[in-house]
């Protein structure tokens, strides 16, 4: 079994997030992610089994309110040495900068686009910081985390 076959995808959204698990699973499925590898994070306990071979997806919304769940997920992933910590804009967002949840530990911030998600979690990691419309986030003052 290859490392990618063993990788799990931990997905978190803010405590007041509006997306259903079905919404999230649909975009992951469209990105050709095996849904059996997906763990929807609902609390810090869900992060205890994360390893460096896993990936984290943070669902981002326009609200800049602090989300403990997003912060805990990003921190746990960074602490484990996860190479893919991707901020994924929820549909219908309009923010133009780097989301606070993606600023410190994320390797990318991308629109709600299955192909971009597939690219970021696959071997074509672009490490892009983009707005919900797919434009370069402004200001792009965040250097993406790189795995060695």
C-alpha atoms as a PDB file:
ATOM      1  CA  UNK A   1       0.000   0.000   0.000  1.00  0.00           C
ATOM      2  CA  UNK A   2       1.487   3.372  -1.014  1.00  0.00           C
ATOM      3  CA  UNK A   3       1.714   6.377   1.257  1.00  0.00           C
ATOM      4  CA  UNK A   4      -1.100   8.129  -0.647  1.00  0.00           C
ATOM      5  CA  UNK A   5      -3.347   5.090  -0.165  1.00  0.00           C
ATOM      6  CA  UNK A   6      -2.849   5.447   3.587  1.00  0.00           C
ATOM      7  CA  UNK A   7      -3.340   9.204   3.741  1.00  0.00           C
ATOM      8  CA  UNK A   8      -6.443  10.555   5.428  1.00  0.00           C
ATOM      9  CA  UNK A   9      -8.014  13.936   4.795  1.00  0.00           C
ATOM     10  CA  UNK A  10      -9.063  15.829   7.948  1.00  0.00           C
ATOM     11  CA  UNK A  11     -11.676  18.494   7.139  1.00  0.00           C
ATOM     12  CA  UNK A  12     -12.743  21.262   9.523  1.00  0.00           C
ATOM     13  CA  UNK A  13     -14.968  24.294   9.275  1.00  0.00           C
ATOM     14  CA  UNK A  14     -15.627  27.033  11.814  1.00  0.00           C
ATOM     15  CA  UNK A  15     -17.992  26.227  14.650  1.00  0.00           C
ATOM     16  CA  UNK A  16     -20.664  28.368  12.976  1.00  0.00           C
ATOM     17  CA  UNK A  17     -19.973  26.941   9.489  1.00  0.00           C
ATOM     18  CA  UNK A  18     -22.949  26.743   7.161  1.00  0.00           C
ATOM     19  CA  UNK A  19     -21.919  23.789   4.997  1.00  0.00           C
ATOM     20  CA  UNK A  20     -23.342  20.351   5.576  1.00  0.00           C
ATOM     21  CA  UNK A  21     -21.178  17.248   5.608  1.00  0.00           C
ATOM     22  CA  UNK A  22     -22.837  16.356   2.289  1.00  0.00           C
ATOM     23  CA  UNK A  23     -21.684  19.670   0.741  1.00  0.00           C
ATOM     24  CA  UNK A  24     -18.140  18.974   1.882  1.00  0.00           C
ATOM     25  CA  UNK A  25     -18.146  15.347   0.759  1.00  0.00           C
ATOM     26  CA  UNK A  26     -19.457  16.352  -2.689  1.00  0.00           C
ATOM     27  CA  UNK A  27     -16.494  18.654  -3.406  1.00  0.00           C
ATOM     28  CA  UNK A  28     -14.051  16.056  -2.062  1.00  0.00           C
ATOM     29  CA  UNK A  29     -15.624  13.369  -4.231  1.00  0.00           C
ATOM     30  CA  UNK A  30     -15.479  15.647  -7.283  1.00  0.00           C
ATOM     31  CA  UNK A  31     -11.759  16.131  -6.474  1.00  0.00           C
ATOM     32  CA  UNK A  32     -11.419  12.333  -6.742  1.00  0.00           C
ATOM     33  CA  UNK A  33     -10.690  11.872  -3.049  1.00  0.00           C
ATOM     34  CA  UNK A  34     -11.649   8.490  -1.626  1.00  0.00           C
ATOM     35  CA  UNK A  35     -14.377   9.408   0.860  1.00  0.00           C
ATOM     36  CA  UNK A  36     -13.392   6.468   3.054  1.00  0.00           C
ATOM     37  CA  UNK A  37     -10.231   8.450   3.892  1.00  0.00           C
ATOM     38  CA  UNK A  38     -12.125  11.597   4.973  1.00  0.00           C
ATOM     39  CA  UNK A  39     -12.519  12.559   8.632  1.00  0.00           C
ATOM     40  CA  UNK A  40     -14.865  15.490   9.340  1.00  0.00           C
ATOM     41  CA  UNK A  41     -13.379  17.223  12.389  1.00  0.00           C
ATOM     42  CA  UNK A  42     -15.931  18.202  15.013  1.00  0.00           C
ATOM     43  CA  UNK A  43     -13.591  18.562  17.982  1.00  0.00           C
ATOM     44  CA  UNK A  44      -9.975  18.378  19.106  1.00  0.00           C
ATOM     45  CA  UNK A  45     -10.363  14.669  19.918  1.00  0.00           C
ATOM     46  CA  UNK A  46     -10.752  13.967  16.178  1.00  0.00           C
ATOM     47  CA  UNK A  47      -7.195  15.212  15.595  1.00  0.00           C
ATOM     48  CA  UNK A  48      -5.442  12.751  17.928  1.00  0.00           C
ATOM     49  CA  UNK A  49      -4.756  10.226  15.167  1.00  0.00           C
ATOM     50  CA  UNK A  50      -3.378  12.684  12.592  1.00  0.00           C
ATOM     51  CA  UNK A  51       0.059  11.837  11.192  1.00  0.00           C
ATOM     52  CA  UNK A  52       2.498  13.556   8.848  1.00  0.00           C
ATOM     53  CA  UNK A  53       1.240  11.579   5.841  1.00  0.00           C
ATOM     54  CA  UNK A  54      -2.298  12.990   6.237  1.00  0.00           C
ATOM     55  CA  UNK A  55      -3.732  16.225   4.834  1.00  0.00           C
ATOM     56  CA  UNK A  56      -5.899  18.939   6.371  1.00  0.00           C
ATOM     57  CA  UNK A  57      -8.574  21.000   4.641  1.00  0.00           C
ATOM     58  CA  UNK A  58      -9.884  24.112   6.390  1.00  0.00           C
ATOM     59  CA  UNK A  59     -13.230  25.381   5.096  1.00  0.00           C
ATOM     60  CA  UNK A  60     -12.977  29.189   4.977  1.00  0.00           C
ATOM     61  CA  UNK A  61     -15.762  31.778   5.136  1.00  0.00           C
ATOM     62  CA  UNK A  62     -15.745  35.578   4.841  1.00  0.00           C
ATOM     63  CA  UNK A  63     -16.151  36.015   8.576  1.00  0.00           C
ATOM     64  CA  UNK A  64     -12.817  36.823  10.191  1.00  0.00           C
ATOM     65  CA  UNK A  65     -14.008  35.619  13.568  1.00  0.00           C
ATOM     66  CA  UNK A  66     -11.539  33.382  15.352  1.00  0.00           C
ATOM     67  CA  UNK A  67     -12.433  29.716  15.047  1.00  0.00           C
ATOM     68  CA  UNK A  68     -10.902  27.489  17.688  1.00  0.00           C
ATOM     69  CA  UNK A  69     -11.652  24.397  15.608  1.00  0.00           C
ATOM     70  CA  UNK A  70      -9.892  25.741  12.496  1.00  0.00           C
ATOM     71  CA  UNK A  71      -6.940  26.934  14.561  1.00  0.00           C
ATOM     72  CA  UNK A  72      -6.664  23.612  16.424  1.00  0.00           C
ATOM     73  CA  UNK A  73      -6.838  21.659  13.166  1.00  0.00           C
ATOM     74  CA  UNK A  74      -4.183  23.773  11.437  1.00  0.00           C
ATOM     75  CA  UNK A  75      -1.915  23.688  14.497  1.00  0.00           C
ATOM     76  CA  UNK A  76      -2.273  19.909  14.936  1.00  0.00           C
ATOM     77  CA  UNK A  77      -1.467  19.380  11.263  1.00  0.00           C
ATOM     78  CA  UNK A  78       1.584  21.661  11.391  1.00  0.00           C
ATOM     79  CA  UNK A  79       2.749  20.023  14.603  1.00  0.00           C
ATOM     80  CA  UNK A  80       2.615  16.593  12.936  1.00  0.00           C
ATOM     81  CA  UNK A  81       4.495  17.855   9.869  1.00  0.00           C
ATOM     82  CA  UNK A  82       1.559  17.555   7.469  1.00  0.00           C
ATOM     83  CA  UNK A  83       2.639  18.791   4.022  1.00  0.00           C
ATOM     84  CA  UNK A  84      -0.808  19.767   2.778  1.00  0.00           C
ATOM     85  CA  UNK A  85      -2.800  22.172   4.940  1.00  0.00           C
ATOM     86  CA  UNK A  86      -5.233  23.704   2.482  1.00  0.00           C
ATOM     87  CA  UNK A  87      -7.689  26.525   3.114  1.00  0.00           C
ATOM     88  CA  UNK A  88     -10.739  25.928   0.906  1.00  0.00           C
ATOM     89  CA  UNK A  89     -13.113  28.844   0.426  1.00  0.00           C
ATOM     90  CA  UNK A  90     -16.755  27.889   0.946  1.00  0.00           C
ATOM     91  CA  UNK A  91     -19.018  28.739  -2.019  1.00  0.00           C
ATOM     92  CA  UNK A  92     -20.285  32.313  -2.235  1.00  0.00           C
ATOM     93  CA  UNK A  93     -17.445  34.025  -0.358  1.00  0.00           C
ATOM     94  CA  UNK A  94     -15.954  37.354  -1.482  1.00  0.00           C
ATOM     95  CA  UNK A  95     -12.905  38.056   0.699  1.00  0.00           C
ATOM     96  CA  UNK A  96      -9.797  39.269  -1.150  1.00  0.00           C
ATOM     97  CA  UNK A  97      -6.973  38.657   1.327  1.00  0.00           C
ATOM     98  CA  UNK A  98      -5.466  35.796   3.241  1.00  0.00           C
ATOM     99  CA  UNK A  99      -7.981  34.326   5.678  1.00  0.00           C
ATOM    100  CA  UNK A 100      -6.711  34.411   9.291  1.00  0.00           C
ATOM    101  CA  UNK A 101      -7.234  30.650   9.618  1.00  0.00           C
ATOM    102  CA  UNK A 102      -4.961  30.073   6.614  1.00  0.00           C
ATOM    103  CA  UNK A 103      -2.337  32.702   7.397  1.00  0.00           C
ATOM    104  CA  UNK A 104      -0.096  30.898   9.865  1.00  0.00           C
ATOM    105  CA  UNK A 105       0.115  27.218   8.929  1.00  0.00           C
ATOM    106  CA  UNK A 106      -1.586  26.654   5.583  1.00  0.00           C
ATOM    107  CA  UNK A 107       0.276  25.653   2.458  1.00  0.00           C
ATOM    108  CA  UNK A 108      -2.471  26.997   0.202  1.00  0.00           C
ATOM    109  CA  UNK A 109      -5.772  28.877   0.075  1.00  0.00           C
ATOM    110  CA  UNK A 110      -7.974  28.057  -2.893  1.00  0.00           C
ATOM    111  CA  UNK A 111     -11.519  28.581  -4.190  1.00  0.00           C
ATOM    112  CA  UNK A 112     -14.281  25.955  -3.973  1.00  0.00           C
ATOM    113  CA  UNK A 113     -12.975  24.166  -7.055  1.00  0.00           C
ATOM    114  CA  UNK A 114     -12.568  20.378  -7.122  1.00  0.00           C
ATOM    115  CA  UNK A 115      -9.740  20.503  -9.687  1.00  0.00           C
ATOM    116  CA  UNK A 116      -7.728  23.008  -7.622  1.00  0.00           C
ATOM    117  CA  UNK A 117      -8.333  20.902  -4.520  1.00  0.00           C
ATOM    118  CA  UNK A 118      -7.189  17.782  -6.357  1.00  0.00           C
ATOM    119  CA  UNK A 119      -4.057  19.634  -7.537  1.00  0.00           C
ATOM    120  CA  UNK A 120      -3.219  20.903  -4.042  1.00  0.00           C
ATOM    121  CA  UNK A 121      -3.689  17.524  -2.382  1.00  0.00           C
ATOM    122  CA  UNK A 122      -2.055  15.602  -5.223  1.00  0.00           C
ATOM    123  CA  UNK A 123       1.412  15.620  -6.637  1.00  0.00           C
ATOM    124  CA  UNK A 124       0.906  18.970  -8.395  1.00  0.00           C
ATOM    125  CA  UNK A 125       0.868  21.078  -5.222  1.00  0.00           C
ATOM    126  CA  UNK A 126       0.714  24.629  -6.475  1.00  0.00           C
ATOM    127  CA  UNK A 127       0.888  26.234  -3.029  1.00  0.00           C
ATOM    128  CA  UNK A 128      -1.344  29.033  -4.263  1.00  0.00           C
ATOM    129  CA  UNK A 129      -2.983  31.628  -2.048  1.00  0.00           C
ATOM    130  CA  UNK A 130      -6.102  32.634  -3.962  1.00  0.00           C
ATOM    131  CA  UNK A 131      -9.352  34.483  -3.338  1.00  0.00           C
ATOM    132  CA  UNK A 132     -12.742  32.759  -3.605  1.00  0.00           C
ATOM    133  CA  UNK A 133     -12.812  33.953  -7.257  1.00  0.00           C
ATOM    134  CA  UNK A 134      -9.463  32.314  -8.030  1.00  0.00           C
ATOM    135  CA  UNK A 135      -7.447  35.530  -8.146  1.00  0.00           C
ATOM    136  CA  UNK A 136      -4.153  35.940  -6.304  1.00  0.00           C
ATOM    137  CA  UNK A 137      -4.957  36.914  -2.712  1.00  0.00           C
ATOM    138  CA  UNK A 138      -4.003  40.491  -1.942  1.00  0.00           C
ATOM    139  CA  UNK A 139      -1.848  41.126  -0.109  1.00  0.00           C
ATOM    140  CA  UNK A 140      -0.068  37.848  -0.629  1.00  0.00           C
ATOM    141  CA  UNK A 141       2.263  38.245   2.325  1.00  0.00           C
ATOM    142  CA  UNK A 142       2.213  34.616   3.353  1.00  0.00           C
ATOM    143  CA  UNK A 143       5.012  32.328   2.286  1.00  0.00           C
ATOM    144  CA  UNK A 144       3.580  28.839   1.849  1.00  0.00           C
ATOM    145  CA  UNK A 145       4.887  26.151   4.170  1.00  0.00           C
ATOM    146  CA  UNK A 146       7.109  23.767   2.277  1.00  0.00           C
ATOM    147  CA  UNK A 147       7.845  20.161   3.144  1.00  0.00           C
ATOM    148  CA  UNK A 148      11.379  18.969   2.755  1.00  0.00           C
END
